[in-house]
Structure formats: structure tokens, C-alpha cells
N, C-alpha and C. Protein backbone atom coordinates (compact mmCIF):
# COMPACT_ATOMS: atom_id res chain seq x y z
N LEU A 1 70.48 79.11 90.17
CA LEU A 1 70.90 79.02 91.55
C LEU A 1 69.89 79.78 92.39
N LEU A 2 69.32 79.13 93.38
CA LEU A 2 68.36 79.76 94.26
C LEU A 2 68.94 79.79 95.66
N LEU A 3 69.08 80.98 96.21
CA LEU A 3 69.54 81.15 97.58
C LEU A 3 68.33 81.50 98.43
N PHE A 4 68.08 80.73 99.46
CA PHE A 4 66.95 81.04 100.32
C PHE A 4 67.33 80.79 101.77
N GLY A 5 66.63 81.45 102.65
CA GLY A 5 66.89 81.32 104.08
C GLY A 5 66.31 82.50 104.82
N ASP A 6 66.55 82.50 106.10
CA ASP A 6 66.02 83.55 106.97
C ASP A 6 66.68 84.89 106.66
N VAL A 7 66.02 85.96 107.07
CA VAL A 7 66.53 87.31 106.90
C VAL A 7 67.86 87.43 107.66
N GLY A 8 68.82 88.09 107.00
CA GLY A 8 70.09 88.37 107.65
C GLY A 8 71.11 87.25 107.63
N THR A 9 70.90 86.26 106.77
CA THR A 9 71.83 85.12 106.74
C THR A 9 72.90 85.25 105.66
N GLY A 10 72.90 86.35 104.90
CA GLY A 10 73.95 86.60 103.94
C GLY A 10 73.66 86.21 102.51
N LYS A 11 72.40 85.99 102.18
CA LYS A 11 72.06 85.58 100.81
C LYS A 11 72.44 86.66 99.80
N SER A 12 72.06 87.88 100.06
CA SER A 12 72.37 88.99 99.14
C SER A 12 73.88 89.22 99.08
N PHE A 13 74.54 89.14 100.20
CA PHE A 13 75.99 89.31 100.23
C PHE A 13 76.67 88.24 99.38
N PHE A 14 76.26 87.00 99.53
CA PHE A 14 76.83 85.90 98.75
C PHE A 14 76.57 86.10 97.26
N ALA A 15 75.35 86.49 96.92
CA ALA A 15 75.03 86.75 95.50
C ALA A 15 75.89 87.88 94.97
N GLY A 16 76.11 88.91 95.77
CA GLY A 16 76.98 90.01 95.37
C GLY A 16 78.42 89.58 95.16
N CYS A 17 78.88 88.65 95.99
CA CYS A 17 80.24 88.11 95.82
C CYS A 17 80.37 87.36 94.51
N ILE A 18 79.35 86.59 94.17
CA ILE A 18 79.33 85.88 92.88
C ILE A 18 79.35 86.88 91.74
N ALA A 19 78.52 87.92 91.84
CA ALA A 19 78.46 88.95 90.81
C ALA A 19 79.82 89.62 90.64
N ASN A 20 80.44 90.01 91.74
CA ASN A 20 81.73 90.69 91.67
C ASN A 20 82.81 89.80 91.05
N ALA A 21 82.81 88.52 91.40
CA ALA A 21 83.80 87.59 90.84
C ALA A 21 83.63 87.48 89.33
N LEU A 22 82.40 87.44 88.86
CA LEU A 22 82.16 87.35 87.42
C LEU A 22 82.49 88.65 86.70
N ILE A 23 82.15 89.76 87.33
CA ILE A 23 82.46 91.07 86.74
C ILE A 23 83.98 91.22 86.61
N ASP A 24 84.72 90.72 87.60
CA ASP A 24 86.18 90.76 87.54
C ASP A 24 86.72 89.98 86.34
N GLN A 25 85.91 89.04 85.84
CA GLN A 25 86.30 88.25 84.66
C GLN A 25 85.65 88.80 83.39
N ASP A 26 85.17 90.04 83.47
CA ASP A 26 84.52 90.72 82.34
C ASP A 26 83.26 90.03 81.86
N ILE A 27 82.55 89.38 82.76
CA ILE A 27 81.26 88.76 82.45
C ILE A 27 80.17 89.73 82.89
N PRO A 28 79.27 90.11 81.98
CA PRO A 28 78.25 91.10 82.34
C PRO A 28 77.20 90.52 83.30
N VAL A 29 77.02 91.22 84.41
CA VAL A 29 76.11 90.78 85.47
C VAL A 29 75.25 91.97 85.90
N LEU A 30 73.98 91.71 86.14
CA LEU A 30 73.10 92.72 86.71
C LEU A 30 72.49 92.14 87.98
N MET A 31 72.63 92.86 89.08
CA MET A 31 71.99 92.48 90.34
C MET A 31 70.96 93.56 90.63
N THR A 32 69.71 93.17 90.66
CA THR A 32 68.62 94.10 90.87
C THR A 32 67.51 93.39 91.63
N ASN A 33 66.34 93.99 91.68
CA ASN A 33 65.19 93.35 92.32
C ASN A 33 63.96 93.53 91.45
N ILE A 34 62.96 92.75 91.71
CA ILE A 34 61.73 92.77 90.89
C ILE A 34 61.04 94.11 90.93
N PRO A 35 60.86 94.75 92.09
CA PRO A 35 60.20 96.06 92.08
C PRO A 35 60.91 97.07 91.17
N ALA A 36 62.24 97.07 91.12
CA ALA A 36 62.97 98.00 90.26
C ALA A 36 62.67 97.72 88.79
N ILE A 37 62.62 96.46 88.42
CA ILE A 37 62.31 96.09 87.03
C ILE A 37 60.89 96.49 86.68
N LEU A 38 59.95 96.18 87.55
CA LEU A 38 58.54 96.51 87.28
C LEU A 38 58.33 98.01 87.23
N ASN A 39 58.99 98.76 88.11
CA ASN A 39 58.84 100.22 88.09
C ASN A 39 59.30 100.79 86.76
N ARG A 40 60.38 100.28 86.24
CA ARG A 40 60.88 100.77 84.95
C ARG A 40 59.97 100.34 83.81
N GLN A 41 59.45 99.13 83.88
CA GLN A 41 58.58 98.64 82.80
C GLN A 41 57.26 99.38 82.78
N THR A 42 56.76 99.78 83.93
CA THR A 42 55.46 100.44 83.98
C THR A 42 55.58 101.94 83.82
N GLY A 43 56.80 102.46 83.67
CA GLY A 43 56.98 103.87 83.40
C GLY A 43 56.96 104.76 84.63
N MET A 44 57.00 104.18 85.82
CA MET A 44 56.99 105.00 87.02
C MET A 44 58.23 105.90 87.07
N PHE A 45 59.32 105.40 86.51
CA PHE A 45 60.56 106.17 86.47
C PHE A 45 61.01 106.27 85.02
N ALA A 46 60.17 106.87 84.20
CA ALA A 46 60.41 106.91 82.76
C ALA A 46 61.75 107.55 82.41
N GLU A 47 62.20 108.50 83.23
CA GLU A 47 63.48 109.14 82.94
C GLU A 47 64.64 108.16 83.04
N ASP A 48 64.47 107.06 83.79
CA ASP A 48 65.52 106.05 83.92
C ASP A 48 65.49 105.03 82.77
N TRP A 49 64.41 105.02 81.99
CA TRP A 49 64.23 103.97 81.00
C TRP A 49 65.37 103.94 79.99
N ALA A 50 65.83 105.10 79.54
CA ALA A 50 66.89 105.14 78.53
C ALA A 50 68.18 104.53 79.06
N ALA A 51 68.43 104.65 80.35
CA ALA A 51 69.65 104.11 80.95
C ALA A 51 69.50 102.63 81.31
N PHE A 52 68.29 102.13 81.25
CA PHE A 52 68.05 100.74 81.65
C PHE A 52 68.29 99.82 80.46
N ILE A 53 69.33 99.04 80.54
CA ILE A 53 69.73 98.16 79.44
C ILE A 53 68.87 96.90 79.47
N ALA A 54 68.60 96.35 78.31
CA ALA A 54 67.79 95.14 78.22
C ALA A 54 68.38 94.03 79.08
N LEU A 55 67.51 93.31 79.76
CA LEU A 55 67.95 92.26 80.68
C LEU A 55 68.71 91.15 79.99
N ASP A 56 68.42 90.92 78.73
CA ASP A 56 69.11 89.83 78.03
C ASP A 56 70.53 90.22 77.58
N ASP A 57 70.97 91.42 77.92
CA ASP A 57 72.35 91.83 77.65
C ASP A 57 73.32 91.26 78.68
N TYR A 58 72.80 90.62 79.70
CA TYR A 58 73.63 90.12 80.81
C TYR A 58 73.74 88.60 80.75
N SER A 59 74.93 88.12 81.09
CA SER A 59 75.14 86.67 81.18
C SER A 59 74.51 86.12 82.45
N LEU A 60 74.44 86.96 83.49
CA LEU A 60 73.82 86.56 84.75
C LEU A 60 72.93 87.69 85.24
N LEU A 61 71.71 87.36 85.57
CA LEU A 61 70.76 88.30 86.16
C LEU A 61 70.47 87.79 87.56
N ILE A 62 70.79 88.59 88.57
CA ILE A 62 70.54 88.23 89.96
C ILE A 62 69.34 89.04 90.43
N LEU A 63 68.28 88.34 90.80
CA LEU A 63 67.07 88.97 91.31
C LEU A 63 67.06 88.83 92.83
N ASP A 64 67.35 89.92 93.49
CA ASP A 64 67.42 89.91 94.95
C ASP A 64 66.02 90.02 95.54
N ASP A 65 65.80 89.32 96.61
CA ASP A 65 64.53 89.36 97.35
C ASP A 65 63.34 88.96 96.49
N LEU A 66 63.51 87.97 95.64
CA LEU A 66 62.42 87.47 94.82
C LEU A 66 61.32 86.93 95.74
N GLY A 67 60.12 87.39 95.54
CA GLY A 67 59.00 86.98 96.38
C GLY A 67 58.54 88.06 97.33
N VAL A 68 59.41 89.03 97.61
CA VAL A 68 59.04 90.12 98.51
C VAL A 68 57.88 90.91 97.94
N GLU A 69 57.82 90.98 96.60
CA GLU A 69 56.73 91.73 95.97
C GLU A 69 55.37 91.12 96.24
N LEU A 70 55.33 89.89 96.69
CA LEU A 70 54.05 89.25 97.02
C LEU A 70 53.63 89.51 98.46
N HIS A 71 54.61 89.64 99.37
CA HIS A 71 54.29 89.70 100.79
C HIS A 71 54.89 90.89 101.51
N GLY A 72 55.62 91.74 100.81
CA GLY A 72 56.30 92.85 101.45
C GLY A 72 55.36 93.97 101.84
N VAL A 73 55.90 94.90 102.61
CA VAL A 73 55.13 96.05 103.06
C VAL A 73 54.63 96.86 101.88
N ASN A 74 55.46 97.01 100.85
CA ASN A 74 55.10 97.80 99.68
C ASN A 74 54.66 96.92 98.51
N SER A 75 54.13 95.75 98.81
CA SER A 75 53.76 94.82 97.74
C SER A 75 52.61 95.38 96.93
N SER A 76 52.54 94.95 95.70
CA SER A 76 51.47 95.35 94.80
C SER A 76 50.90 94.11 94.16
N ALA A 77 49.65 93.83 94.43
CA ALA A 77 49.00 92.66 93.85
C ALA A 77 49.00 92.72 92.34
N MET A 78 48.81 93.92 91.80
CA MET A 78 48.81 94.07 90.34
C MET A 78 50.18 93.71 89.76
N ASN A 79 51.25 94.21 90.36
CA ASN A 79 52.58 93.90 89.85
C ASN A 79 52.91 92.43 90.01
N ALA A 80 52.50 91.82 91.09
CA ALA A 80 52.74 90.39 91.28
C ALA A 80 52.02 89.58 90.21
N ARG A 81 50.79 89.96 89.88
CA ARG A 81 50.06 89.27 88.81
C ARG A 81 50.77 89.44 87.49
N ARG A 82 51.23 90.66 87.19
CA ARG A 82 51.92 90.91 85.93
C ARG A 82 53.19 90.08 85.84
N LEU A 83 53.89 89.96 86.96
CA LEU A 83 55.16 89.25 86.97
C LEU A 83 54.96 87.75 86.83
N PHE A 84 54.08 87.20 87.64
CA PHE A 84 53.98 85.74 87.71
C PHE A 84 52.93 85.16 86.78
N HIS A 85 51.98 85.95 86.29
CA HIS A 85 50.93 85.41 85.42
C HIS A 85 50.88 86.11 84.07
N ASN A 86 51.71 87.13 83.90
CA ASN A 86 51.78 87.88 82.66
C ASN A 86 50.41 88.41 82.26
N LYS A 87 49.65 88.90 83.23
CA LYS A 87 48.34 89.48 82.97
C LYS A 87 48.30 90.89 83.54
N LYS A 88 47.47 91.73 82.95
CA LYS A 88 47.32 93.10 83.46
C LYS A 88 46.16 93.17 84.41
């Protein structure tokens, strides 16, 4: 499911509603964003790594603001390459 549209139209809110409905049914869901995943993978927040559960433990993974890492204020070309091309 891909939700897209202008800023402020409720995409994240709607995704959160879906997540909450599934969690209420005891379905494991993770709602996060790409920068958070990349930060943990690259060790920027190594102390959080032990608490970070493998992504495949979830029935639904919601990636909020997918694409922001390419064009955002804090974007990183290196992280975008690692994410989309699997290259260092």
C-alpha cells in the first residue's frame, strides 16, 4: 500500500490508524522511517541496536516519509545510495 500526496493531507495519520487497528488484533506492526533504520544500521546510535528488533519480526512495516532521505533538509546521498542501490 502506497500513500502519497501533498504535505499535511493525513498520510501518516492514516497509516497510524491502520497500524493501531492491526495492533489491536495482536498483529505485530512497526511504523518507522528510513533515516531511523539507516542510523541504527550504520551504528550512529549503537546503544539502541540491542533494542532494535529485526524488521522481519513484523507482519507490517510502515515506512513513513519514504523518499525524504533523497530530498530532505537532512538528506544524505550516501545513505540514499545504500538504501536504493545497496552500495557503500
